[in-house]
Amino acid sequence: MKSLIIVGALAIAGIIAFSTYSSVYNMGNTSEQNIIALQKQSESKLSNYATSIAEISQVPTKYKNDLVEVIKATMSGRYGENGISDNAVMNFVQENNLQLDSTVYINMQNAMTAGRKEFQISQERLMDACRLYKNELGSFVTGKILSSAGYPKIDLNNYCEVVSDAQTKKTFDTKIQEPIKIQ
């Protein structure tokens, strides 16, 4: 009877140990897959932001070219093909009080601000996931189990590095902040 109780206790301890090991192993896998996914999402957001700004920045040139064509067509219609003189141009400009529409530039500023904010949020989510995973790796029991299971399996220095600009990196390296210069 005594040996049956010992075998039963060992079986229960084995089941608990396996369950704990399996749970921690799965947590490590889930954490790493989450970090990888968040990095890819962050990269996607930055790419979409950069692409949209590149596309939006083409609009002012297109707008300018279209405006020039409209002015030429209007002046030709009003003054005839050969009637466009310096005097006629000045009269046309004064009569129509032409102004460049600033909404194109405002839209570009809004897209830039929104894109930067989305990218910032994605980077913060990635850094939070990295911090949580590193906390688990550094904890006593969970860290030992993860280490024995071969975790981390991804290069955390690569995945958990903030994407930053050269000026900010220089500031953090030198510990000297310089004022922003607006040209």
N, C-alpha and C. Protein backbone atom coordinates (compact mmCIF):
# COMPACT_ATOMS: atom_id res chain seq x y z
N MET A 1 0.82 -1.19 0.00
CA MET A 1 0.00 0.00 0.00
C MET A 1 0.86 1.26 0.00
N LYS A 2 1.92 1.22 0.81
CA LYS A 2 2.81 2.37 0.92
C LYS A 2 3.49 2.65 -0.43
N SER A 3 3.89 1.61 -1.13
CA SER A 3 4.54 1.79 -2.42
C SER A 3 3.55 2.32 -3.45
N LEU A 4 2.29 1.97 -3.36
CA LEU A 4 1.26 2.46 -4.26
C LEU A 4 1.05 3.96 -4.06
N ILE A 5 1.09 4.41 -2.84
CA ILE A 5 0.96 5.85 -2.54
C ILE A 5 2.17 6.60 -3.08
N ILE A 6 3.36 6.05 -2.94
CA ILE A 6 4.58 6.69 -3.46
C ILE A 6 4.52 6.77 -4.98
N VAL A 7 4.11 5.71 -5.64
CA VAL A 7 4.00 5.70 -7.11
C VAL A 7 2.96 6.72 -7.55
N GLY A 8 1.83 6.78 -6.86
CA GLY A 8 0.78 7.75 -7.18
C GLY A 8 1.27 9.18 -7.01
N ALA A 9 1.98 9.43 -5.93
CA ALA A 9 2.53 10.78 -5.67
C ALA A 9 3.54 11.15 -6.74
N LEU A 10 4.40 10.22 -7.12
CA LEU A 10 5.39 10.48 -8.19
C LEU A 10 4.70 10.74 -9.53
N ALA A 11 3.62 9.99 -9.81
CA ALA A 11 2.88 10.21 -11.05
C ALA A 11 2.26 11.59 -11.07
N ILE A 12 1.66 11.99 -9.95
CA ILE A 12 1.05 13.33 -9.86
C ILE A 12 2.13 14.40 -9.99
N ALA A 13 3.26 14.22 -9.35
CA ALA A 13 4.37 15.18 -9.44
C ALA A 13 4.88 15.25 -10.88
N GLY A 14 4.97 14.11 -11.54
CA GLY A 14 5.40 14.08 -12.94
C GLY A 14 4.43 14.81 -13.85
N ILE A 15 3.15 14.61 -13.62
CA ILE A 15 2.13 15.30 -14.41
C ILE A 15 2.20 16.81 -14.19
N ILE A 16 2.35 17.21 -12.95
CA ILE A 16 2.47 18.65 -12.64
C ILE A 16 3.73 19.23 -13.28
N ALA A 17 4.85 18.52 -13.18
CA ALA A 17 6.10 19.00 -13.77
C ALA A 17 5.97 19.11 -15.29
N PHE A 18 5.39 18.10 -15.92
CA PHE A 18 5.20 18.14 -17.37
C PHE A 18 4.27 19.27 -17.76
N SER A 19 3.20 19.43 -17.02
CA SER A 19 2.24 20.50 -17.31
C SER A 19 2.90 21.87 -17.17
N THR A 20 3.68 22.07 -16.13
CA THR A 20 4.38 23.34 -15.93
C THR A 20 5.39 23.59 -17.05
N TYR A 21 6.19 22.58 -17.36
CA TYR A 21 7.19 22.70 -18.43
C TYR A 21 6.50 23.02 -19.75
N SER A 22 5.44 22.29 -20.07
CA SER A 22 4.71 22.49 -21.32
C SER A 22 4.12 23.89 -21.39
N SER A 23 3.56 24.35 -20.30
CA SER A 23 2.96 25.68 -20.25
C SER A 23 4.00 26.78 -20.47
N VAL A 24 5.14 26.67 -19.80
CA VAL A 24 6.20 27.66 -19.95
C VAL A 24 6.78 27.61 -21.36
N TYR A 25 6.97 26.41 -21.90
CA TYR A 25 7.48 26.26 -23.26
C TYR A 25 6.54 26.94 -24.25
N ASN A 26 5.25 26.69 -24.11
CA ASN A 26 4.25 27.30 -24.99
C ASN A 26 4.24 28.82 -24.85
N MET A 27 4.42 29.31 -23.61
CA MET A 27 4.48 30.75 -23.39
C MET A 27 5.68 31.35 -24.12
N GLY A 28 6.83 30.67 -24.06
CA GLY A 28 8.01 31.15 -24.77
C GLY A 28 7.77 31.21 -26.27
N ASN A 29 7.17 30.18 -26.81
CA ASN A 29 6.87 30.16 -28.25
C ASN A 29 5.90 31.27 -28.62
N THR A 30 4.85 31.43 -27.84
CA THR A 30 3.85 32.48 -28.09
C THR A 30 4.50 33.86 -28.02
N SER A 31 5.36 34.08 -27.05
CA SER A 31 6.02 35.38 -26.90
C SER A 31 6.88 35.68 -28.11
N GLU A 32 7.65 34.70 -28.56
CA GLU A 32 8.53 34.94 -29.71
C GLU A 32 7.73 35.17 -30.99
N GLN A 33 6.67 34.41 -31.18
CA GLN A 33 5.85 34.60 -32.38
C GLN A 33 5.17 35.97 -32.34
N ASN A 34 4.79 36.43 -31.17
CA ASN A 34 4.19 37.76 -31.01
C ASN A 34 5.21 38.84 -31.35
N ILE A 35 6.43 38.70 -30.89
CA ILE A 35 7.49 39.68 -31.17
C ILE A 35 7.76 39.74 -32.67
N ILE A 36 7.86 38.59 -33.30
CA ILE A 36 8.10 38.54 -34.75
C ILE A 36 6.95 39.23 -35.50
N ALA A 37 5.71 38.92 -35.11
CA ALA A 37 4.55 39.52 -35.78
C ALA A 37 4.52 41.03 -35.57
N LEU A 38 4.81 41.49 -34.36
CA LEU A 38 4.80 42.92 -34.09
C LEU A 38 5.88 43.65 -34.87
N GLN A 39 7.04 43.03 -35.03
CA GLN A 39 8.09 43.66 -35.83
C GLN A 39 7.66 43.78 -37.29
N LYS A 40 7.04 42.74 -37.81
CA LYS A 40 6.57 42.78 -39.20
C LYS A 40 5.48 43.83 -39.36
N GLN A 41 4.59 43.94 -38.39
CA GLN A 41 3.55 44.97 -38.45
C GLN A 41 4.17 46.36 -38.42
N SER A 42 5.17 46.54 -37.59
CA SER A 42 5.86 47.83 -37.49
C SER A 42 6.54 48.17 -38.81
N GLU A 43 7.19 47.19 -39.41
CA GLU A 43 7.84 47.40 -40.70
C GLU A 43 6.81 47.76 -41.77
N SER A 44 5.68 47.08 -41.74
CA SER A 44 4.61 47.35 -42.69
C SER A 44 4.08 48.77 -42.53
N LYS A 45 3.88 49.19 -41.29
CA LYS A 45 3.38 50.55 -41.03
C LYS A 45 4.38 51.59 -41.54
N LEU A 46 5.67 51.38 -41.30
CA LEU A 46 6.67 52.33 -41.77
C LEU A 46 6.71 52.35 -43.29
N SER A 47 6.63 51.20 -43.91
CA SER A 47 6.63 51.13 -45.36
C SER A 47 5.41 51.83 -45.95
N ASN A 48 4.24 51.57 -45.39
CA ASN A 48 3.02 52.22 -45.87
C ASN A 48 3.10 53.73 -45.70
N TYR A 49 3.65 54.15 -44.57
CA TYR A 49 3.81 55.59 -44.30
C TYR A 49 4.73 56.22 -45.34
N ALA A 50 5.89 55.61 -45.55
CA ALA A 50 6.86 56.16 -46.50
C ALA A 50 6.30 56.18 -47.91
N THR A 51 5.61 55.13 -48.29
CA THR A 51 5.03 55.05 -49.63
C THR A 51 3.94 56.11 -49.81
N SER A 52 3.09 56.27 -48.82
CA SER A 52 2.01 57.25 -48.96
C SER A 52 2.56 58.67 -49.03
N ILE A 53 3.59 58.96 -48.26
CA ILE A 53 4.19 60.31 -48.33
C ILE A 53 4.82 60.53 -49.70
N ALA A 54 5.49 59.51 -50.23
CA ALA A 54 6.09 59.63 -51.56
C ALA A 54 5.00 59.88 -52.61
N GLU A 55 3.87 59.21 -52.46
CA GLU A 55 2.77 59.41 -53.40
C GLU A 55 2.13 60.79 -53.24
N ILE A 56 1.88 61.17 -51.99
CA ILE A 56 1.25 62.47 -51.73
C ILE A 56 2.15 63.61 -52.20
N SER A 57 3.46 63.45 -52.06
CA SER A 57 4.37 64.55 -52.44
C SER A 57 4.38 64.80 -53.94
N GLN A 58 3.82 63.89 -54.72
CA GLN A 58 3.73 64.11 -56.16
C GLN A 58 2.56 65.03 -56.52
N VAL A 59 1.62 65.16 -55.62
CA VAL A 59 0.40 65.92 -55.89
C VAL A 59 0.69 67.41 -56.14
N PRO A 60 1.54 68.09 -55.35
CA PRO A 60 1.77 69.51 -55.63
C PRO A 60 2.31 69.77 -57.05
N THR A 61 3.19 68.92 -57.54
CA THR A 61 3.72 69.09 -58.89
C THR A 61 2.61 68.91 -59.91
N LYS A 62 1.79 67.89 -59.72
CA LYS A 62 0.66 67.64 -60.61
C LYS A 62 -0.31 68.82 -60.55
N TYR A 63 -0.57 69.29 -59.34
CA TYR A 63 -1.48 70.43 -59.16
C TYR A 63 -0.94 71.66 -59.89
N LYS A 64 0.35 71.93 -59.74
CA LYS A 64 0.97 73.08 -60.39
C LYS A 64 0.86 72.96 -61.90
N ASN A 65 1.18 71.80 -62.43
CA ASN A 65 1.11 71.59 -63.88
C ASN A 65 -0.32 71.76 -64.40
N ASP A 66 -1.28 71.23 -63.67
CA ASP A 66 -2.68 71.38 -64.08
C ASP A 66 -3.11 72.84 -64.00
N LEU A 67 -2.67 73.55 -62.98
CA LEU A 67 -3.02 74.97 -62.83
C LEU A 67 -2.45 75.78 -63.98
N VAL A 68 -1.22 75.49 -64.36
CA VAL A 68 -0.60 76.20 -65.49
C VAL A 68 -1.41 75.94 -66.77
N GLU A 69 -1.84 74.71 -66.98
CA GLU A 69 -2.63 74.38 -68.17
C GLU A 69 -3.97 75.11 -68.16
N VAL A 70 -4.61 75.18 -67.00
CA VAL A 70 -5.89 75.89 -66.90
C VAL A 70 -5.69 77.37 -67.20
N ILE A 71 -4.63 77.96 -66.67
CA ILE A 71 -4.36 79.39 -66.91
C ILE A 71 -4.10 79.62 -68.39
N LYS A 72 -3.28 78.75 -69.00
CA LYS A 72 -2.99 78.90 -70.44
C LYS A 72 -4.27 78.79 -71.26
N ALA A 73 -5.10 77.81 -70.96
CA ALA A 73 -6.34 77.61 -71.71
C ALA A 73 -7.28 78.79 -71.52
N THR A 74 -7.37 79.29 -70.30
CA THR A 74 -8.24 80.43 -70.02
C THR A 74 -7.76 81.67 -70.75
N MET A 75 -6.46 81.92 -70.70
CA MET A 75 -5.91 83.11 -71.36
C MET A 75 -6.03 83.01 -72.87
N SER A 76 -5.81 81.81 -73.41
CA SER A 76 -5.95 81.63 -74.86
C SER A 76 -7.39 81.87 -75.26
N GLY A 77 -8.33 81.38 -74.44
CA GLY A 77 -9.74 81.58 -74.74
C GLY A 77 -10.14 83.03 -74.62
N ARG A 78 -9.57 83.75 -73.71
CA ARG A 78 -9.94 85.14 -73.47
C ARG A 78 -9.22 86.09 -74.42
N TYR A 79 -7.92 85.87 -74.65
CA TYR A 79 -7.12 86.83 -75.41
C TYR A 79 -6.68 86.30 -76.76
N GLY A 80 -7.04 85.06 -77.09
CA GLY A 80 -6.64 84.47 -78.37
C GLY A 80 -5.26 83.86 -78.27
N GLU A 81 -4.93 83.01 -79.24
CA GLU A 81 -3.65 82.29 -79.23
C GLU A 81 -2.46 83.25 -79.20
N ASN A 82 -2.52 84.30 -79.97
CA ASN A 82 -1.38 85.23 -80.06
C ASN A 82 -1.55 86.47 -79.18
N GLY A 83 -2.64 86.52 -78.45
CA GLY A 83 -2.92 87.72 -77.68
C GLY A 83 -2.38 87.69 -76.26
N ILE A 84 -1.57 86.67 -75.94
CA ILE A 84 -1.04 86.57 -74.58
C ILE A 84 0.20 87.45 -74.50
N SER A 85 0.08 88.57 -73.85
CA SER A 85 1.21 89.47 -73.66
C SER A 85 1.44 89.65 -72.16
N ASP A 86 2.53 90.31 -71.83
CA ASP A 86 2.81 90.56 -70.41
C ASP A 86 1.68 91.35 -69.76
N ASN A 87 1.15 92.31 -70.50
CA ASN A 87 0.06 93.14 -70.00
C ASN A 87 -1.19 92.29 -69.77
N ALA A 88 -1.48 91.38 -70.70
CA ALA A 88 -2.65 90.52 -70.59
C ALA A 88 -2.51 89.58 -69.39
N VAL A 89 -1.30 89.07 -69.18
CA VAL A 89 -1.05 88.18 -68.05
C VAL A 89 -1.29 88.92 -66.74
N MET A 90 -0.78 90.12 -66.63
CA MET A 90 -0.97 90.91 -65.41
C MET A 90 -2.46 91.22 -65.18
N ASN A 91 -3.16 91.57 -66.25
CA ASN A 91 -4.61 91.82 -66.12
C ASN A 91 -5.33 90.56 -65.64
N PHE A 92 -4.96 89.40 -66.21
CA PHE A 92 -5.60 88.14 -65.84
C PHE A 92 -5.35 87.83 -64.37
N VAL A 93 -4.10 87.97 -63.92
CA VAL A 93 -3.75 87.67 -62.53
C VAL A 93 -4.49 88.60 -61.58
N GLN A 94 -4.55 89.89 -61.93
CA GLN A 94 -5.25 90.84 -61.08
C GLN A 94 -6.76 90.58 -61.05
N GLU A 95 -7.32 90.22 -62.20
CA GLU A 95 -8.77 89.96 -62.27
C GLU A 95 -9.15 88.71 -61.48
N ASN A 96 -8.32 87.69 -61.54
CA ASN A 96 -8.67 86.40 -60.94
C ASN A 96 -8.07 86.18 -59.56
N ASN A 97 -7.15 87.05 -59.16
CA ASN A 97 -6.52 86.94 -57.85
C ASN A 97 -6.12 85.48 -57.54
N LEU A 98 -5.30 84.90 -58.38
CA LEU A 98 -4.91 83.49 -58.26
C LEU A 98 -4.13 83.22 -56.98
N GLN A 99 -4.50 82.13 -56.35
CA GLN A 99 -3.80 81.70 -55.14
C GLN A 99 -3.56 80.20 -55.21
N LEU A 100 -2.45 79.80 -54.67
CA LEU A 100 -2.14 78.37 -54.61
C LEU A 100 -2.92 77.76 -53.45
N ASP A 101 -3.62 76.67 -53.74
CA ASP A 101 -4.45 76.02 -52.72
C ASP A 101 -3.55 75.30 -51.72
N SER A 102 -3.65 75.68 -50.46
CA SER A 102 -2.77 75.12 -49.42
C SER A 102 -3.25 73.78 -48.88
N THR A 103 -4.45 73.34 -49.25
CA THR A 103 -4.96 72.08 -48.70
C THR A 103 -4.08 70.89 -49.07
N VAL A 104 -3.42 70.96 -50.23
CA VAL A 104 -2.53 69.87 -50.63
C VAL A 104 -1.42 69.71 -49.59
N TYR A 105 -0.86 70.82 -49.16
CA TYR A 105 0.23 70.78 -48.18
C TYR A 105 -0.28 70.40 -46.78
N ILE A 106 -1.46 70.87 -46.45
CA ILE A 106 -2.05 70.52 -45.16
C ILE A 106 -2.33 69.02 -45.11
N ASN A 107 -2.86 68.48 -46.20
CA ASN A 107 -3.11 67.03 -46.26
C ASN A 107 -1.81 66.25 -46.11
N MET A 108 -0.74 66.74 -46.72
CA MET A 108 0.55 66.06 -46.60
C MET A 108 1.05 66.11 -45.16
N GLN A 109 0.92 67.25 -44.51
CA GLN A 109 1.32 67.36 -43.10
C GLN A 109 0.51 66.41 -42.23
N ASN A 110 -0.80 66.34 -42.47
CA ASN A 110 -1.66 65.45 -41.69
C ASN A 110 -1.27 63.99 -41.90
N ALA A 111 -0.98 63.61 -43.14
CA ALA A 111 -0.57 62.23 -43.43
C ALA A 111 0.76 61.91 -42.75
N MET A 112 1.67 62.86 -42.75
CA MET A 112 2.96 62.65 -42.10
C MET A 112 2.78 62.46 -40.60
N THR A 113 1.98 63.31 -39.99
CA THR A 113 1.75 63.22 -38.55
C THR A 113 1.07 61.90 -38.19
N ALA A 114 0.05 61.53 -38.94
CA ALA A 114 -0.68 60.29 -38.67
C ALA A 114 0.22 59.07 -38.87
N GLY A 115 1.01 59.09 -39.93
CA GLY A 115 1.91 57.97 -40.20
C GLY A 115 2.95 57.81 -39.12
N ARG A 116 3.51 58.90 -38.68
CA ARG A 116 4.50 58.85 -37.60
C ARG A 116 3.88 58.33 -36.31
N LYS A 117 2.66 58.75 -36.02
CA LYS A 117 1.99 58.31 -34.79
C LYS A 117 1.70 56.81 -34.85
N GLU A 118 1.22 56.32 -36.00
CA GLU A 118 0.96 54.89 -36.14
C GLU A 118 2.24 54.08 -35.97
N PHE A 119 3.33 54.57 -36.55
CA PHE A 119 4.60 53.87 -36.43
C PHE A 119 5.08 53.88 -34.98
N GLN A 120 4.92 55.01 -34.31
CA GLN A 120 5.31 55.11 -32.90
C GLN A 120 4.54 54.10 -32.06
N ILE A 121 3.26 53.99 -32.28
CA ILE A 121 2.43 53.05 -31.53
C ILE A 121 2.88 51.62 -31.80
N SER A 122 3.19 51.29 -33.05
CA SER A 122 3.62 49.93 -33.36
C SER A 122 4.96 49.62 -32.71
N GLN A 123 5.85 50.60 -32.66
CA GLN A 123 7.14 50.40 -31.99
C GLN A 123 6.96 50.22 -30.49
N GLU A 124 6.06 50.98 -29.89
CA GLU A 124 5.79 50.85 -28.45
C GLU A 124 5.22 49.47 -28.12
N ARG A 125 4.32 48.97 -28.97
CA ARG A 125 3.76 47.63 -28.75
C ARG A 125 4.85 46.57 -28.84
N LEU A 126 5.74 46.71 -29.80
CA LEU A 126 6.85 45.76 -29.95
C LEU A 126 7.76 45.81 -28.73
N MET A 127 8.09 47.00 -28.26
CA MET A 127 8.98 47.12 -27.10
C MET A 127 8.32 46.56 -25.84
N ASP A 128 7.00 46.73 -25.72
CA ASP A 128 6.28 46.14 -24.58
C ASP A 128 6.35 44.61 -24.62
N ALA A 129 6.14 44.04 -25.81
CA ALA A 129 6.21 42.58 -25.95
C ALA A 129 7.62 42.07 -25.63
N CYS A 130 8.63 42.80 -26.08
CA CYS A 130 10.02 42.42 -25.78
C CYS A 130 10.30 42.49 -24.28
N ARG A 131 9.82 43.55 -23.66
CA ARG A 131 10.03 43.72 -22.22
C ARG A 131 9.40 42.58 -21.43
N LEU A 132 8.16 42.24 -21.79
CA LEU A 132 7.46 41.16 -21.08
C LEU A 132 8.20 39.83 -21.26
N TYR A 133 8.64 39.56 -22.47
CA TYR A 133 9.34 38.31 -22.74
C TYR A 133 10.69 38.26 -22.01
N LYS A 134 11.41 39.37 -22.02
CA LYS A 134 12.69 39.43 -21.31
C LYS A 134 12.48 39.27 -19.81
N ASN A 135 11.36 39.80 -19.29
CA ASN A 135 11.04 39.59 -17.88
C ASN A 135 10.86 38.11 -17.58
N GLU A 136 10.17 37.41 -18.45
CA GLU A 136 9.97 35.97 -18.27
C GLU A 136 11.30 35.23 -18.36
N LEU A 137 12.14 35.62 -19.32
CA LEU A 137 13.45 34.97 -19.46
C LEU A 137 14.32 35.21 -18.23
N GLY A 138 14.13 36.35 -17.58
CA GLY A 138 14.93 36.69 -16.41
C GLY A 138 14.37 36.21 -15.09
N SER A 139 13.15 35.71 -15.10
CA SER A 139 12.59 35.24 -13.83
C SER A 139 13.18 33.88 -13.46
N PHE A 140 13.17 33.57 -12.18
CA PHE A 140 13.90 32.40 -11.68
C PHE A 140 13.41 31.09 -12.27
N VAL A 141 12.21 30.69 -11.99
CA VAL A 141 11.72 29.38 -12.43
C VAL A 141 11.44 29.38 -13.93
N THR A 142 10.65 30.37 -14.38
CA THR A 142 10.29 30.43 -15.80
C THR A 142 11.54 30.57 -16.67
N GLY A 143 12.46 31.41 -16.24
CA GLY A 143 13.70 31.60 -17.00
C GLY A 143 14.51 30.33 -17.11
N LYS A 144 14.60 29.56 -16.03
CA LYS A 144 15.33 28.28 -16.04
C LYS A 144 14.68 27.28 -16.99
N ILE A 145 13.36 27.21 -16.94
CA ILE A 145 12.65 26.29 -17.82
C ILE A 145 12.82 26.71 -19.28
N LEU A 146 12.66 28.02 -19.56
CA LEU A 146 12.83 28.50 -20.93
C LEU A 146 14.25 28.24 -21.42
N SER A 147 15.21 28.50 -20.58
CA SER A 147 16.61 28.25 -20.95
C SER A 147 16.85 26.78 -21.25
N SER A 148 16.30 25.89 -20.43
CA SER A 148 16.48 24.46 -20.68
C SER A 148 15.77 24.01 -21.95
N ALA A 149 14.75 24.75 -22.37
CA ALA A 149 14.03 24.44 -23.60
C ALA A 149 14.66 25.10 -24.82
N GLY A 150 15.75 25.84 -24.61
CA GLY A 150 16.46 26.46 -25.73
C GLY A 150 16.00 27.86 -26.10
N TYR A 151 15.25 28.49 -25.21
CA TYR A 151 14.80 29.86 -25.45
C TYR A 151 15.81 30.84 -24.89
N PRO A 152 15.97 31.99 -25.50
CA PRO A 152 15.27 32.49 -26.67
C PRO A 152 15.80 31.84 -27.96
N LYS A 153 14.91 31.59 -28.87
CA LYS A 153 15.26 30.98 -30.15
C LYS A 153 15.42 32.03 -31.24
N ILE A 154 15.00 33.25 -30.96
CA ILE A 154 15.19 34.36 -31.91
C ILE A 154 16.24 35.30 -31.34
N ASP A 155 16.85 36.08 -32.21
CA ASP A 155 17.85 37.06 -31.79
C ASP A 155 17.12 38.30 -31.26
N LEU A 156 17.01 38.40 -29.95
CA LEU A 156 16.28 39.52 -29.36
C LEU A 156 16.95 40.86 -29.63
N ASN A 157 18.27 40.86 -29.83
CA ASN A 157 18.96 42.11 -30.16
C ASN A 157 18.49 42.64 -31.51
N ASN A 158 18.10 41.76 -32.40
CA ASN A 158 17.60 42.18 -33.70
C ASN A 158 16.13 42.59 -33.63
N TYR A 159 15.33 41.76 -32.99
CA TYR A 159 13.89 42.02 -32.96
C TYR A 159 13.49 43.11 -31.99
N CYS A 160 14.25 43.29 -30.94
CA CYS A 160 13.86 44.23 -29.89
C CYS A 160 14.66 45.52 -29.94
N GLU A 161 15.11 45.90 -31.09
CA GLU A 161 15.85 47.15 -31.29
C GLU A 161 14.89 48.20 -31.85
N VAL A 162 14.88 49.37 -31.26
CA VAL A 162 14.01 50.45 -31.72
C VAL A 162 14.53 50.99 -33.05
N VAL A 163 13.61 51.26 -33.97
CA VAL A 163 13.96 51.93 -35.21
C VAL A 163 13.99 53.42 -34.91
N SER A 164 15.11 54.06 -35.19
CA SER A 164 15.28 55.45 -34.81
C SER A 164 16.03 56.19 -35.92
N ASP A 165 16.04 57.51 -35.82
CA ASP A 165 16.77 58.32 -36.79
C ASP A 165 18.20 58.54 -36.30
N ALA A 166 19.06 58.97 -37.22
CA ALA A 166 20.48 59.13 -36.92
C ALA A 166 20.73 60.17 -35.83
N GLN A 167 19.98 61.27 -35.87
CA GLN A 167 20.18 62.33 -34.87
C GLN A 167 19.86 61.84 -33.46
N THR A 168 18.77 61.10 -33.31
CA THR A 168 18.39 60.58 -31.99
C THR A 168 19.42 59.59 -31.49
N LYS A 169 19.88 58.70 -32.37
CA LYS A 169 20.91 57.73 -31.97
C LYS A 169 22.18 58.46 -31.52
N LYS A 170 22.55 59.52 -32.24
CA LYS A 170 23.74 60.29 -31.87
C LYS A 170 23.54 60.94 -30.50
N THR A 171 22.34 61.47 -30.26
CA THR A 171 22.04 62.10 -28.97
C THR A 171 22.18 61.09 -27.83
N PHE A 172 21.67 59.88 -28.03
CA PHE A 172 21.75 58.87 -26.98
C PHE A 172 23.18 58.36 -26.79
N ASP A 173 23.96 58.35 -27.88
CA ASP A 173 25.36 57.93 -27.76
C ASP A 173 26.20 58.97 -27.04
N THR A 174 26.02 60.24 -27.42
CA THR A 174 26.84 61.32 -26.85
C THR A 174 26.27 61.88 -25.55
N LYS A 175 25.00 61.64 -25.31
CA LYS A 175 24.29 62.19 -24.14
C LYS A 175 24.20 63.71 -24.20
N ILE A 176 24.27 64.25 -25.42
CA ILE A 176 24.16 65.70 -25.64
C ILE A 176 23.05 65.95 -26.62
N GLN A 177 22.05 66.74 -26.19
CA GLN A 177 20.94 67.06 -27.07
C GLN A 177 21.16 68.44 -27.66
N GLU A 178 20.90 68.54 -28.96
CA GLU A 178 21.05 69.82 -29.65
C GLU A 178 19.67 70.31 -30.04
N PRO A 179 19.51 71.64 -30.14
CA PRO A 179 18.19 72.16 -30.54
C PRO A 179 17.87 71.75 -31.99
N ILE A 180 16.59 71.58 -32.25
CA ILE A 180 16.15 71.25 -33.60
C ILE A 180 16.24 72.51 -34.44
N LYS A 181 16.83 72.36 -35.61
CA LYS A 181 16.98 73.51 -36.53
C LYS A 181 15.96 73.36 -37.65
N ILE A 182 15.11 74.37 -37.79
CA ILE A 182 14.12 74.38 -38.85
C ILE A 182 14.67 75.25 -39.97
N GLN A 183 14.73 74.66 -41.15
CA GLN A 183 15.32 75.40 -42.29
C GLN A 183 14.33 76.32 -42.92
